[in-house]
Amino acid sequence: MPENPKTITRDEFLLELDEILGLRSGTLRGDERLDELQNWDSTALVGLIVLAETTNETQISPEQVVGCSTVADLLRLAGFDDRSS
């Protein structure tokens, strides 16, 4: 875990997820189903875990991510509730 992780907002986190998934910036909103995202794969899963650990000091296991079905589920794992920005 990095010594001085930066804290980002929910919207910034979504923008980072867009990049991880190779999507146009601003694509993800939170209600998308993971099984409908073309680039949601093991590489994206690892990217998500690294993003959460390096930005918000959130520890996420691969098993937790596998249990998610929507982007909103991923946001909750990363420490964002549905209303935070």
N, C-alpha and C. Protein backbone atom coordinates (compact mmCIF):
# COMPACT_ATOMS: atom_id res chain seq x y z
N MET A 1 0.84 -1.17 0.00
CA MET A 1 0.00 0.00 0.00
C MET A 1 0.89 1.24 0.00
N PRO A 2 0.56 2.24 -0.82
CA PRO A 2 1.39 3.44 -0.87
C PRO A 2 1.36 4.19 0.44
N GLU A 3 2.44 4.95 0.68
CA GLU A 3 2.53 5.70 1.93
C GLU A 3 1.53 6.83 2.01
N ASN A 4 1.33 7.55 0.92
CA ASN A 4 0.44 8.70 0.91
C ASN A 4 -0.58 8.58 -0.21
N PRO A 5 -1.57 7.73 -0.04
CA PRO A 5 -2.56 7.59 -1.11
C PRO A 5 -3.37 8.88 -1.25
N LYS A 6 -3.76 9.16 -2.49
CA LYS A 6 -4.61 10.33 -2.69
C LYS A 6 -6.06 9.89 -2.62
N THR A 7 -6.88 10.74 -2.07
CA THR A 7 -8.30 10.45 -1.98
C THR A 7 -8.99 11.09 -3.18
N ILE A 8 -9.86 10.33 -3.84
CA ILE A 8 -10.58 10.85 -4.99
C ILE A 8 -12.08 10.75 -4.75
N THR A 9 -12.82 11.49 -5.55
CA THR A 9 -14.27 11.47 -5.43
C THR A 9 -14.85 10.30 -6.22
N ARG A 10 -16.14 10.07 -6.03
CA ARG A 10 -16.85 9.03 -6.76
C ARG A 10 -16.74 9.27 -8.27
N ASP A 11 -16.95 10.51 -8.69
CA ASP A 11 -16.88 10.84 -10.11
C ASP A 11 -15.48 10.61 -10.67
N GLU A 12 -14.46 10.98 -9.91
CA GLU A 12 -13.08 10.74 -10.35
C GLU A 12 -12.80 9.24 -10.44
N PHE A 13 -13.35 8.48 -9.50
CA PHE A 13 -13.18 7.03 -9.51
C PHE A 13 -13.81 6.45 -10.77
N LEU A 14 -15.01 6.93 -11.12
CA LEU A 14 -15.67 6.45 -12.34
C LEU A 14 -14.85 6.80 -13.58
N LEU A 15 -14.25 7.97 -13.61
CA LEU A 15 -13.40 8.35 -14.75
C LEU A 15 -12.20 7.42 -14.86
N GLU A 16 -11.63 7.06 -13.71
CA GLU A 16 -10.51 6.11 -13.71
C GLU A 16 -10.97 4.74 -14.20
N LEU A 17 -12.16 4.32 -13.81
CA LEU A 17 -12.70 3.05 -14.30
C LEU A 17 -12.93 3.09 -15.80
N ASP A 18 -13.41 4.23 -16.30
CA ASP A 18 -13.55 4.39 -17.75
C ASP A 18 -12.22 4.09 -18.44
N GLU A 19 -11.16 4.66 -17.90
CA GLU A 19 -9.84 4.48 -18.49
C GLU A 19 -9.40 3.02 -18.42
N ILE A 20 -9.59 2.40 -17.27
CA ILE A 20 -9.22 0.99 -17.10
C ILE A 20 -9.94 0.11 -18.12
N LEU A 21 -11.19 0.44 -18.38
CA LEU A 21 -12.01 -0.36 -19.30
C LEU A 21 -11.89 0.08 -20.76
N GLY A 22 -11.09 1.11 -21.01
CA GLY A 22 -10.93 1.59 -22.37
C GLY A 22 -12.17 2.28 -22.92
N LEU A 23 -12.94 2.90 -22.02
CA LEU A 23 -14.16 3.59 -22.42
C LEU A 23 -13.90 5.08 -22.56
N ARG A 24 -14.74 5.74 -23.31
CA ARG A 24 -14.68 7.20 -23.44
C ARG A 24 -14.92 7.81 -22.05
N SER A 25 -14.16 8.82 -21.73
CA SER A 25 -14.27 9.49 -20.44
C SER A 25 -15.70 9.97 -20.20
N GLY A 26 -16.25 9.64 -19.04
CA GLY A 26 -17.60 10.04 -18.69
C GLY A 26 -18.66 9.03 -19.06
N THR A 27 -18.25 7.85 -19.51
CA THR A 27 -19.20 6.81 -19.94
C THR A 27 -19.94 6.20 -18.75
N LEU A 28 -19.19 5.77 -17.75
CA LEU A 28 -19.81 5.05 -16.63
C LEU A 28 -20.55 6.01 -15.71
N ARG A 29 -21.72 5.58 -15.27
CA ARG A 29 -22.56 6.35 -14.35
C ARG A 29 -22.79 5.60 -13.03
N GLY A 30 -22.72 4.27 -13.07
CA GLY A 30 -22.91 3.48 -11.87
C GLY A 30 -23.95 2.39 -12.01
N ASP A 31 -24.88 2.55 -12.93
CA ASP A 31 -25.95 1.56 -13.05
C ASP A 31 -25.65 0.47 -14.08
N GLU A 32 -24.47 0.52 -14.69
CA GLU A 32 -24.12 -0.47 -15.71
C GLU A 32 -23.91 -1.85 -15.10
N ARG A 33 -24.31 -2.87 -15.84
CA ARG A 33 -24.07 -4.25 -15.44
C ARG A 33 -22.69 -4.67 -15.92
N LEU A 34 -21.92 -5.29 -15.04
CA LEU A 34 -20.56 -5.69 -15.39
C LEU A 34 -20.54 -6.68 -16.54
N ASP A 35 -21.50 -7.60 -16.58
CA ASP A 35 -21.50 -8.61 -17.64
C ASP A 35 -21.83 -8.02 -19.01
N GLU A 36 -22.22 -6.75 -19.04
CA GLU A 36 -22.51 -6.08 -20.32
C GLU A 36 -21.36 -5.17 -20.77
N LEU A 37 -20.33 -5.04 -19.94
CA LEU A 37 -19.17 -4.22 -20.29
C LEU A 37 -18.16 -5.09 -21.04
N GLN A 38 -17.88 -4.70 -22.27
CA GLN A 38 -17.05 -5.51 -23.15
C GLN A 38 -15.66 -5.80 -22.57
N ASN A 39 -15.06 -4.84 -21.92
CA ASN A 39 -13.69 -5.01 -21.44
C ASN A 39 -13.60 -5.38 -19.97
N TRP A 40 -14.72 -5.79 -19.36
CA TRP A 40 -14.66 -6.22 -17.96
C TRP A 40 -14.09 -7.63 -17.93
N ASP A 41 -12.84 -7.74 -17.49
CA ASP A 41 -12.15 -9.03 -17.47
C ASP A 41 -11.18 -9.04 -16.28
N SER A 42 -10.32 -10.05 -16.24
CA SER A 42 -9.41 -10.18 -15.10
C SER A 42 -8.43 -9.02 -15.02
N THR A 43 -8.03 -8.46 -16.15
CA THR A 43 -7.12 -7.32 -16.14
C THR A 43 -7.82 -6.10 -15.54
N ALA A 44 -9.07 -5.88 -15.91
CA ALA A 44 -9.84 -4.77 -15.35
C ALA A 44 -10.06 -4.98 -13.85
N LEU A 45 -10.30 -6.20 -13.44
CA LEU A 45 -10.48 -6.51 -12.02
C LEU A 45 -9.24 -6.12 -11.23
N VAL A 46 -8.08 -6.48 -11.73
CA VAL A 46 -6.83 -6.12 -11.05
C VAL A 46 -6.67 -4.60 -11.03
N GLY A 47 -6.98 -3.94 -12.15
CA GLY A 47 -6.90 -2.48 -12.20
C GLY A 47 -7.79 -1.82 -11.17
N LEU A 48 -8.99 -2.35 -11.00
CA LEU A 48 -9.92 -1.83 -10.00
C LEU A 48 -9.34 -1.96 -8.60
N ILE A 49 -8.79 -3.11 -8.29
CA ILE A 49 -8.22 -3.35 -6.96
C ILE A 49 -7.07 -2.38 -6.70
N VAL A 50 -6.19 -2.21 -7.68
CA VAL A 50 -5.07 -1.29 -7.52
C VAL A 50 -5.57 0.14 -7.35
N LEU A 51 -6.56 0.53 -8.15
CA LEU A 51 -7.14 1.87 -8.04
C LEU A 51 -7.69 2.12 -6.64
N ALA A 52 -8.45 1.19 -6.11
CA ALA A 52 -9.04 1.36 -4.79
C ALA A 52 -7.97 1.45 -3.71
N GLU A 53 -6.94 0.63 -3.84
CA GLU A 53 -5.88 0.62 -2.82
C GLU A 53 -5.02 1.88 -2.87
N THR A 54 -4.79 2.40 -4.07
CA THR A 54 -3.89 3.54 -4.20
C THR A 54 -4.58 4.89 -4.06
N THR A 55 -5.89 4.91 -4.10
CA THR A 55 -6.57 6.19 -3.99
C THR A 55 -7.30 6.36 -2.67
N ASN A 56 -8.04 5.39 -2.24
CA ASN A 56 -8.86 5.57 -1.04
C ASN A 56 -8.50 4.61 0.08
N GLU A 57 -7.33 4.00 -0.02
CA GLU A 57 -6.86 3.06 1.01
C GLU A 57 -7.89 1.98 1.30
N THR A 58 -8.56 1.50 0.27
CA THR A 58 -9.58 0.48 0.43
C THR A 58 -9.03 -0.86 -0.02
N GLN A 59 -9.10 -1.83 0.84
CA GLN A 59 -8.66 -3.18 0.50
C GLN A 59 -9.83 -3.96 -0.10
N ILE A 60 -9.66 -4.41 -1.32
CA ILE A 60 -10.69 -5.20 -2.00
C ILE A 60 -10.06 -6.51 -2.46
N SER A 61 -10.73 -7.61 -2.20
CA SER A 61 -10.22 -8.90 -2.67
C SER A 61 -10.88 -9.28 -3.99
N PRO A 62 -10.21 -10.09 -4.79
CA PRO A 62 -10.82 -10.56 -6.03
C PRO A 62 -12.16 -11.25 -5.78
N GLU A 63 -12.28 -11.96 -4.68
CA GLU A 63 -13.53 -12.66 -4.36
C GLU A 63 -14.67 -11.67 -4.16
N GLN A 64 -14.38 -10.53 -3.52
CA GLN A 64 -15.41 -9.51 -3.33
C GLN A 64 -15.87 -8.95 -4.67
N VAL A 65 -14.93 -8.72 -5.57
CA VAL A 65 -15.27 -8.16 -6.88
C VAL A 65 -16.09 -9.15 -7.68
N VAL A 66 -15.74 -10.41 -7.63
CA VAL A 66 -16.48 -11.44 -8.37
C VAL A 66 -17.94 -11.48 -7.92
N GLY A 67 -18.20 -11.12 -6.68
CA GLY A 67 -19.57 -11.10 -6.17
C GLY A 67 -20.38 -9.89 -6.62
N CYS A 68 -19.77 -8.98 -7.36
CA CYS A 68 -20.46 -7.76 -7.81
C CYS A 68 -21.11 -8.00 -9.17
N SER A 69 -22.24 -7.33 -9.39
CA SER A 69 -22.90 -7.46 -10.69
C SER A 69 -23.04 -6.12 -11.40
N THR A 70 -22.85 -5.00 -10.68
CA THR A 70 -22.99 -3.68 -11.31
C THR A 70 -21.80 -2.79 -10.93
N VAL A 71 -21.65 -1.71 -11.67
CA VAL A 71 -20.64 -0.72 -11.33
C VAL A 71 -20.93 -0.12 -9.96
N ALA A 72 -22.20 0.06 -9.62
CA ALA A 72 -22.58 0.57 -8.29
C ALA A 72 -22.06 -0.35 -7.18
N ASP A 73 -22.09 -1.66 -7.42
CA ASP A 73 -21.54 -2.61 -6.44
C ASP A 73 -20.05 -2.36 -6.24
N LEU A 74 -19.34 -2.11 -7.34
CA LEU A 74 -17.90 -1.82 -7.25
C LEU A 74 -17.65 -0.54 -6.48
N LEU A 75 -18.49 0.45 -6.73
CA LEU A 75 -18.35 1.73 -6.02
C LEU A 75 -18.52 1.54 -4.52
N ARG A 76 -19.49 0.74 -4.12
CA ARG A 76 -19.70 0.47 -2.69
C ARG A 76 -18.48 -0.23 -2.09
N LEU A 77 -17.92 -1.19 -2.83
CA LEU A 77 -16.72 -1.87 -2.34
C LEU A 77 -15.56 -0.89 -2.14
N ALA A 78 -15.48 0.08 -3.03
CA ALA A 78 -14.39 1.06 -2.99
C ALA A 78 -14.63 2.16 -1.96
N GLY A 79 -15.75 2.07 -1.24
CA GLY A 79 -16.00 3.02 -0.17
C GLY A 79 -16.89 4.19 -0.52
N PHE A 80 -17.54 4.12 -1.68
CA PHE A 80 -18.45 5.19 -2.08
C PHE A 80 -19.88 4.70 -1.91
N ASP A 81 -20.72 5.54 -1.30
CA ASP A 81 -22.13 5.18 -1.29
C ASP A 81 -22.74 5.71 -2.58
N ASP A 82 -24.00 5.44 -2.82
CA ASP A 82 -24.63 5.80 -4.08
C ASP A 82 -24.76 7.31 -4.29
N ARG A 83 -24.65 8.09 -3.24
CA ARG A 83 -24.88 9.52 -3.38
C ARG A 83 -23.63 10.36 -3.32
N SER A 84 -22.50 9.80 -2.91
CA SER A 84 -21.31 10.64 -2.75
C SER A 84 -20.72 10.99 -4.10
N SER A 85 -20.10 12.16 -4.17
CA SER A 85 -19.43 12.58 -5.41
C SER A 85 -18.04 13.06 -5.13
